[in-house]
Amino acid sequence: MSDVVVKVSDVMQTSLVLIDGLASVREAVAVMEKNRVSSLIIERRQAGDEYGVVTVHDIAGKVIGMDRSTNRTSVYQIMTKPALTVHSHMNVRYALRMLSRFNITRALVLRDDELVGLVTMRDMVNGYIARTEPS
């Protein structure tokens, strides 16, 4: 075992793509395609609100798989809210355990209640191995 502590902030993505919850699924897919991402963060409606997340998986299963219209279905109807969040200073090993426990592949990253990133299981596994195990 390595004594190196890898923090979520060491491996998180800081380029975030947000969308309004009232946007249609068709609009969300266009934003995903333009930004080459597979998930979008749903903006907070007001102070004290929580962030949401919508993924390609949500769209596939809850819209296309259910034969719903991508034009008439809003992102808020299919998003996951509240999105799971982790703190930027959290040890990657603990963040991985938490995501595994909830069978989730990504989490939003907060620093002092401010959204600062997104982290995926892949980011954490690859980042952890690269920083702790010799090549």
N, C-alpha and C. Protein backbone atom coordinates (compact mmCIF):
# COMPACT_ATOMS: atom_id res chain seq x y z
N MET A 1 0.83 -1.19 0.00
CA MET A 1 0.00 0.00 0.00
C MET A 1 0.88 1.25 0.00
N SER A 2 0.42 2.23 -0.67
CA SER A 2 1.14 3.48 -0.78
C SER A 2 0.74 4.44 0.34
N ASP A 3 1.71 5.24 0.80
CA ASP A 3 1.42 6.26 1.81
C ASP A 3 0.95 7.55 1.16
N VAL A 4 0.95 7.60 -0.16
CA VAL A 4 0.54 8.80 -0.88
C VAL A 4 -0.98 8.94 -0.78
N VAL A 5 -1.43 10.15 -0.42
CA VAL A 5 -2.86 10.43 -0.39
C VAL A 5 -3.22 11.19 -1.66
N VAL A 6 -4.10 10.61 -2.44
CA VAL A 6 -4.58 11.26 -3.65
C VAL A 6 -5.94 11.85 -3.32
N LYS A 7 -6.07 13.14 -3.52
CA LYS A 7 -7.33 13.83 -3.22
C LYS A 7 -8.17 13.94 -4.48
N VAL A 8 -9.47 14.09 -4.27
CA VAL A 8 -10.39 14.26 -5.39
C VAL A 8 -9.95 15.44 -6.26
N SER A 9 -9.48 16.52 -5.63
CA SER A 9 -9.06 17.70 -6.39
C SER A 9 -7.87 17.41 -7.31
N ASP A 10 -7.11 16.35 -7.02
CA ASP A 10 -5.97 15.98 -7.84
C ASP A 10 -6.40 15.36 -9.18
N VAL A 11 -7.60 14.81 -9.23
CA VAL A 11 -8.02 14.04 -10.41
C VAL A 11 -9.32 14.53 -11.05
N MET A 12 -9.96 15.52 -10.47
CA MET A 12 -11.26 15.97 -10.96
C MET A 12 -11.15 16.75 -12.27
N GLN A 13 -12.25 16.80 -12.99
CA GLN A 13 -12.37 17.62 -14.18
C GLN A 13 -12.89 18.99 -13.74
N THR A 14 -12.29 20.05 -14.23
CA THR A 14 -12.73 21.38 -13.82
C THR A 14 -13.50 22.11 -14.91
N SER A 15 -13.55 21.52 -16.09
CA SER A 15 -14.31 22.10 -17.18
C SER A 15 -15.73 21.55 -17.06
N LEU A 16 -16.66 22.37 -16.57
CA LEU A 16 -18.01 21.92 -16.28
C LEU A 16 -19.00 22.44 -17.32
N VAL A 17 -19.97 21.61 -17.65
CA VAL A 17 -21.01 22.00 -18.61
C VAL A 17 -22.34 21.95 -17.87
N LEU A 18 -22.96 23.13 -17.74
CA LEU A 18 -24.23 23.24 -17.04
C LEU A 18 -25.36 23.54 -18.01
N ILE A 19 -26.58 23.18 -17.60
CA ILE A 19 -27.76 23.44 -18.41
C ILE A 19 -28.92 23.72 -17.47
N ASP A 20 -29.88 24.49 -17.93
CA ASP A 20 -31.08 24.79 -17.16
C ASP A 20 -31.99 23.56 -17.16
N GLY A 21 -32.62 23.27 -16.05
CA GLY A 21 -33.50 22.12 -15.94
C GLY A 21 -34.71 22.18 -16.85
N LEU A 22 -35.07 23.37 -17.30
CA LEU A 22 -36.22 23.51 -18.19
C LEU A 22 -35.89 23.23 -19.65
N ALA A 23 -34.61 23.04 -19.96
CA ALA A 23 -34.21 22.72 -21.33
C ALA A 23 -34.78 21.37 -21.73
N SER A 24 -35.04 21.21 -23.02
CA SER A 24 -35.54 19.93 -23.51
C SER A 24 -34.38 18.92 -23.58
N VAL A 25 -34.75 17.68 -23.62
CA VAL A 25 -33.74 16.63 -23.76
C VAL A 25 -33.00 16.79 -25.09
N ARG A 26 -33.71 17.19 -26.13
CA ARG A 26 -33.06 17.42 -27.42
C ARG A 26 -31.97 18.49 -27.28
N GLU A 27 -32.28 19.58 -26.57
CA GLU A 27 -31.29 20.64 -26.34
C GLU A 27 -30.11 20.10 -25.53
N ALA A 28 -30.39 19.28 -24.54
CA ALA A 28 -29.33 18.70 -23.71
C ALA A 28 -28.40 17.83 -24.54
N VAL A 29 -28.97 17.03 -25.43
CA VAL A 29 -28.14 16.18 -26.29
C VAL A 29 -27.25 17.03 -27.19
N ALA A 30 -27.79 18.13 -27.70
CA ALA A 30 -26.99 19.02 -28.55
C ALA A 30 -25.83 19.63 -27.75
N VAL A 31 -26.08 20.02 -26.51
CA VAL A 31 -25.03 20.58 -25.65
C VAL A 31 -23.98 19.52 -25.34
N MET A 32 -24.42 18.29 -25.08
CA MET A 32 -23.47 17.19 -24.83
C MET A 32 -22.58 16.96 -26.04
N GLU A 33 -23.20 16.92 -27.20
CA GLU A 33 -22.45 16.68 -28.43
C GLU A 33 -21.45 17.80 -28.70
N LYS A 34 -21.89 19.03 -28.54
CA LYS A 34 -21.02 20.20 -28.79
C LYS A 34 -19.81 20.19 -27.86
N ASN A 35 -20.04 19.81 -26.60
CA ASN A 35 -18.97 19.84 -25.60
C ASN A 35 -18.26 18.50 -25.42
N ARG A 36 -18.71 17.50 -26.17
CA ARG A 36 -18.10 16.17 -26.12
C ARG A 36 -18.06 15.60 -24.71
N VAL A 37 -19.24 15.64 -24.05
CA VAL A 37 -19.39 15.11 -22.69
C VAL A 37 -20.57 14.14 -22.67
N SER A 38 -20.62 13.31 -21.65
CA SER A 38 -21.72 12.35 -21.54
C SER A 38 -22.66 12.67 -20.38
N SER A 39 -22.42 13.80 -19.72
CA SER A 39 -23.31 14.23 -18.65
C SER A 39 -23.31 15.75 -18.55
N LEU A 40 -24.41 16.26 -18.03
CA LEU A 40 -24.56 17.71 -17.82
C LEU A 40 -24.98 17.95 -16.38
N ILE A 41 -24.54 19.08 -15.85
CA ILE A 41 -24.94 19.49 -14.51
C ILE A 41 -26.13 20.42 -14.65
N ILE A 42 -27.16 20.15 -13.86
CA ILE A 42 -28.36 20.98 -13.89
C ILE A 42 -28.17 22.11 -12.89
N GLU A 43 -28.32 23.33 -13.38
CA GLU A 43 -28.10 24.51 -12.55
C GLU A 43 -29.07 24.57 -11.38
N ARG A 44 -28.61 25.17 -10.30
CA ARG A 44 -29.48 25.42 -9.15
C ARG A 44 -30.50 26.48 -9.52
N ARG A 45 -31.71 26.35 -9.03
CA ARG A 45 -32.77 27.33 -9.32
C ARG A 45 -32.67 28.54 -8.40
N GLN A 46 -32.14 28.33 -7.19
CA GLN A 46 -32.05 29.41 -6.21
C GLN A 46 -31.06 29.01 -5.13
N ALA A 47 -30.73 29.93 -4.26
CA ALA A 47 -29.84 29.63 -3.14
C ALA A 47 -30.49 28.55 -2.29
N GLY A 48 -29.71 27.61 -1.83
CA GLY A 48 -30.23 26.53 -1.01
C GLY A 48 -30.73 25.34 -1.82
N ASP A 49 -30.81 25.49 -3.12
CA ASP A 49 -31.21 24.39 -4.00
C ASP A 49 -30.00 23.47 -4.20
N GLU A 50 -30.24 22.30 -4.72
CA GLU A 50 -29.17 21.35 -5.00
C GLU A 50 -28.98 21.22 -6.51
N TYR A 51 -27.79 20.78 -6.90
CA TYR A 51 -27.51 20.53 -8.31
C TYR A 51 -28.12 19.18 -8.71
N GLY A 52 -28.40 19.06 -9.99
CA GLY A 52 -28.83 17.79 -10.56
C GLY A 52 -27.85 17.37 -11.63
N VAL A 53 -28.00 16.15 -12.11
CA VAL A 53 -27.15 15.63 -13.18
C VAL A 53 -28.03 14.84 -14.14
N VAL A 54 -27.77 15.00 -15.41
CA VAL A 54 -28.41 14.17 -16.43
C VAL A 54 -27.31 13.54 -17.28
N THR A 55 -27.46 12.27 -17.58
CA THR A 55 -26.45 11.53 -18.33
C THR A 55 -27.05 10.94 -19.60
N VAL A 56 -26.17 10.51 -20.48
CA VAL A 56 -26.61 9.81 -21.68
C VAL A 56 -27.42 8.58 -21.28
N HIS A 57 -27.01 7.92 -20.22
CA HIS A 57 -27.72 6.74 -19.72
C HIS A 57 -29.16 7.10 -19.34
N ASP A 58 -29.35 8.25 -18.68
CA ASP A 58 -30.70 8.70 -18.33
C ASP A 58 -31.55 8.90 -19.59
N ILE A 59 -30.96 9.54 -20.57
CA ILE A 59 -31.68 9.83 -21.82
C ILE A 59 -32.03 8.53 -22.54
N ALA A 60 -31.09 7.61 -22.58
CA ALA A 60 -31.33 6.33 -23.25
C ALA A 60 -32.47 5.56 -22.58
N GLY A 61 -32.41 5.46 -21.27
CA GLY A 61 -33.39 4.63 -20.55
C GLY A 61 -34.72 5.30 -20.28
N LYS A 62 -34.70 6.58 -19.96
CA LYS A 62 -35.92 7.27 -19.53
C LYS A 62 -36.64 8.02 -20.63
N VAL A 63 -35.98 8.21 -21.77
CA VAL A 63 -36.62 8.94 -22.87
C VAL A 63 -36.72 8.04 -24.10
N ILE A 64 -35.59 7.73 -24.70
CA ILE A 64 -35.60 6.95 -25.94
C ILE A 64 -36.17 5.54 -25.69
N GLY A 65 -35.70 4.89 -24.64
CA GLY A 65 -36.18 3.54 -24.33
C GLY A 65 -37.65 3.48 -23.97
N MET A 66 -38.20 4.60 -23.51
CA MET A 66 -39.62 4.66 -23.14
C MET A 66 -40.45 5.33 -24.23
N ASP A 67 -39.84 5.58 -25.38
CA ASP A 67 -40.51 6.18 -26.54
C ASP A 67 -41.14 7.54 -26.22
N ARG A 68 -40.39 8.36 -25.46
CA ARG A 68 -40.85 9.72 -25.15
C ARG A 68 -40.21 10.70 -26.12
N SER A 69 -40.84 11.82 -26.31
CA SER A 69 -40.33 12.85 -27.21
C SER A 69 -39.16 13.59 -26.59
N THR A 70 -38.07 13.72 -27.34
CA THR A 70 -36.92 14.48 -26.84
C THR A 70 -37.20 15.98 -26.86
N ASN A 71 -38.17 16.39 -27.66
CA ASN A 71 -38.55 17.82 -27.71
C ASN A 71 -39.49 18.20 -26.58
N ARG A 72 -40.35 17.28 -26.16
CA ARG A 72 -41.35 17.59 -25.14
C ARG A 72 -40.97 17.13 -23.74
N THR A 73 -39.87 16.44 -23.61
CA THR A 73 -39.41 16.00 -22.29
C THR A 73 -38.33 16.97 -21.81
N SER A 74 -38.53 17.51 -20.62
CA SER A 74 -37.55 18.44 -20.04
C SER A 74 -36.48 17.67 -19.26
N VAL A 75 -35.35 18.27 -19.18
CA VAL A 75 -34.24 17.67 -18.43
C VAL A 75 -34.65 17.41 -16.98
N TYR A 76 -35.39 18.32 -16.37
CA TYR A 76 -35.74 18.15 -14.96
C TYR A 76 -36.61 16.91 -14.74
N GLN A 77 -37.30 16.43 -15.78
CA GLN A 77 -38.15 15.25 -15.64
C GLN A 77 -37.35 13.96 -15.53
N ILE A 78 -36.11 13.97 -15.97
CA ILE A 78 -35.32 12.74 -15.99
C ILE A 78 -34.01 12.83 -15.20
N MET A 79 -33.69 14.00 -14.69
CA MET A 79 -32.40 14.17 -14.01
C MET A 79 -32.36 13.47 -12.66
N THR A 80 -31.17 13.28 -12.16
CA THR A 80 -30.96 12.80 -10.80
C THR A 80 -30.71 14.03 -9.94
N LYS A 81 -31.53 14.20 -8.92
CA LYS A 81 -31.39 15.34 -8.03
C LYS A 81 -31.86 14.93 -6.65
N PRO A 82 -31.08 15.19 -5.63
CA PRO A 82 -29.80 15.89 -5.66
C PRO A 82 -28.69 14.99 -6.19
N ALA A 83 -27.75 15.60 -6.86
CA ALA A 83 -26.59 14.87 -7.35
C ALA A 83 -25.69 14.55 -6.16
N LEU A 84 -25.05 13.41 -6.22
CA LEU A 84 -24.09 13.05 -5.19
C LEU A 84 -22.92 14.03 -5.26
N THR A 85 -22.49 14.52 -4.12
CA THR A 85 -21.35 15.44 -4.08
C THR A 85 -20.27 14.90 -3.14
N VAL A 86 -19.04 15.26 -3.47
CA VAL A 86 -17.89 14.94 -2.61
C VAL A 86 -17.10 16.23 -2.43
N HIS A 87 -16.33 16.28 -1.38
CA HIS A 87 -15.49 17.45 -1.14
C HIS A 87 -14.17 17.31 -1.89
N SER A 88 -13.65 18.41 -2.33
CA SER A 88 -12.41 18.40 -3.11
C SER A 88 -11.24 17.82 -2.35
N HIS A 89 -11.24 17.95 -1.03
CA HIS A 89 -10.12 17.45 -0.22
C HIS A 89 -10.28 15.98 0.19
N MET A 90 -11.38 15.34 -0.23
CA MET A 90 -11.61 13.94 0.15
C MET A 90 -10.59 13.02 -0.50
N ASN A 91 -10.16 12.02 0.24
CA ASN A 91 -9.27 10.99 -0.27
C ASN A 91 -10.00 10.21 -1.36
N VAL A 92 -9.36 10.01 -2.49
CA VAL A 92 -9.95 9.30 -3.62
C VAL A 92 -10.43 7.91 -3.21
N ARG A 93 -9.72 7.23 -2.34
CA ARG A 93 -10.13 5.89 -1.92
C ARG A 93 -11.51 5.92 -1.27
N TYR A 94 -11.78 6.94 -0.46
CA TYR A 94 -13.09 7.04 0.20
C TYR A 94 -14.17 7.46 -0.79
N ALA A 95 -13.82 8.33 -1.72
CA ALA A 95 -14.79 8.75 -2.74
C ALA A 95 -15.17 7.55 -3.61
N LEU A 96 -14.20 6.72 -3.96
CA LEU A 96 -14.49 5.52 -4.75
C LEU A 96 -15.40 4.57 -3.99
N ARG A 97 -15.16 4.40 -2.71
CA ARG A 97 -16.02 3.53 -1.90
C ARG A 97 -17.46 4.06 -1.90
N MET A 98 -17.61 5.36 -1.75
CA MET A 98 -18.93 5.94 -1.70
C MET A 98 -19.66 5.77 -3.03
N LEU A 99 -19.00 6.09 -4.13
CA LEU A 99 -19.65 5.93 -5.43
C LEU A 99 -20.00 4.46 -5.68
N SER A 100 -19.12 3.55 -5.31
CA SER A 100 -19.40 2.12 -5.48
C SER A 100 -20.61 1.70 -4.65
N ARG A 101 -20.69 2.18 -3.44
CA ARG A 101 -21.80 1.82 -2.54
C ARG A 101 -23.14 2.23 -3.14
N PHE A 102 -23.18 3.39 -3.79
CA PHE A 102 -24.43 3.88 -4.37
C PHE A 102 -24.58 3.51 -5.85
N ASN A 103 -23.63 2.73 -6.38
CA ASN A 103 -23.65 2.32 -7.78
C ASN A 103 -23.77 3.52 -8.72
N ILE A 104 -22.95 4.53 -8.47
CA ILE A 104 -22.93 5.77 -9.25
C ILE A 104 -21.54 5.91 -9.86
N THR A 105 -21.46 6.46 -11.07
CA THR A 105 -20.17 6.55 -11.74
C THR A 105 -19.55 7.93 -11.70
N ARG A 106 -20.28 8.93 -11.19
CA ARG A 106 -19.73 10.30 -11.15
C ARG A 106 -20.31 11.06 -9.97
N ALA A 107 -19.57 12.08 -9.56
CA ALA A 107 -20.03 12.94 -8.47
C ALA A 107 -19.57 14.37 -8.74
N LEU A 108 -20.35 15.31 -8.24
CA LEU A 108 -19.95 16.71 -8.32
C LEU A 108 -18.99 16.98 -7.18
N VAL A 109 -18.06 17.91 -7.42
CA VAL A 109 -17.04 18.22 -6.42
C VAL A 109 -17.28 19.63 -5.89
N LEU A 110 -17.35 19.73 -4.57
CA LEU A 110 -17.57 21.02 -3.91
C LEU A 110 -16.36 21.42 -3.09
N ARG A 111 -16.14 22.72 -3.04
CA ARG A 111 -15.15 23.30 -2.13
C ARG A 111 -15.85 24.47 -1.47
N ASP A 112 -16.04 24.40 -0.17
CA ASP A 112 -16.75 25.44 0.58
C ASP A 112 -18.11 25.74 -0.05
N ASP A 113 -18.87 24.68 -0.35
CA ASP A 113 -20.21 24.76 -0.93
C ASP A 113 -20.26 25.36 -2.33
N GLU A 114 -19.09 25.51 -2.96
CA GLU A 114 -19.04 26.02 -4.34
C GLU A 114 -18.69 24.86 -5.27
N LEU A 115 -19.40 24.76 -6.38
CA LEU A 115 -19.13 23.73 -7.37
C LEU A 115 -17.81 24.03 -8.06
N VAL A 116 -16.86 23.10 -7.97
CA VAL A 116 -15.54 23.32 -8.56
C VAL A 116 -15.12 22.23 -9.54
N GLY A 117 -15.89 21.15 -9.63
CA GLY A 117 -15.48 20.09 -10.53
C GLY A 117 -16.46 18.94 -10.60
N LEU A 118 -16.07 17.98 -11.41
CA LEU A 118 -16.79 16.73 -11.59
C LEU A 118 -15.75 15.63 -11.58
N VAL A 119 -16.06 14.53 -10.93
CA VAL A 119 -15.11 13.43 -10.89
C VAL A 119 -15.85 12.14 -11.23
N THR A 120 -15.19 11.30 -12.02
CA THR A 120 -15.77 10.01 -12.39
C THR A 120 -14.95 8.90 -11.76
N MET A 121 -15.54 7.72 -11.73
CA MET A 121 -14.78 6.57 -11.23
C MET A 121 -13.52 6.37 -12.05
N ARG A 122 -13.65 6.52 -13.36
CA ARG A 122 -12.48 6.35 -14.22
C ARG A 122 -11.39 7.35 -13.88
N ASP A 123 -11.78 8.63 -13.69
CA ASP A 123 -10.80 9.65 -13.30
C ASP A 123 -10.06 9.23 -12.03
N MET A 124 -10.83 8.76 -11.05
CA MET A 124 -10.23 8.42 -9.76
C MET A 124 -9.35 7.18 -9.83
N VAL A 125 -9.81 6.15 -10.51
CA VAL A 125 -9.00 4.92 -10.63
C VAL A 125 -7.71 5.21 -11.37
N ASN A 126 -7.81 5.84 -12.52
CA ASN A 126 -6.61 6.15 -13.31
C ASN A 126 -5.67 7.08 -12.56
N GLY A 127 -6.23 8.13 -11.93
CA GLY A 127 -5.41 9.08 -11.20
C GLY A 127 -4.72 8.46 -9.99
N TYR A 128 -5.44 7.59 -9.30
CA TYR A 128 -4.88 6.93 -8.12
C TYR A 128 -3.71 6.02 -8.53
N ILE A 129 -3.94 5.22 -9.54
CA ILE A 129 -2.88 4.28 -9.98
C ILE A 129 -1.67 5.05 -10.49
N ALA A 130 -1.89 6.10 -11.26
CA ALA A 130 -0.78 6.88 -11.81
C ALA A 130 0.05 7.54 -10.72
N ARG A 131 -0.58 7.90 -9.61
CA ARG A 131 0.13 8.62 -8.55
C ARG A 131 0.70 7.72 -7.45
N THR A 132 0.25 6.47 -7.39
CA THR A 132 0.67 5.64 -6.27
C THR A 132 1.45 4.39 -6.65
N GLU A 133 1.34 3.96 -7.89
CA GLU A 133 2.03 2.73 -8.28
C GLU A 133 3.08 3.01 -9.33
N PRO A 134 4.30 2.49 -9.11
CA PRO A 134 5.37 2.71 -10.08
C PRO A 134 5.03 2.05 -11.42
N SER A 135 5.49 2.67 -12.48
CA SER A 135 5.22 2.11 -13.83
C SER A 135 6.00 0.86 -14.08
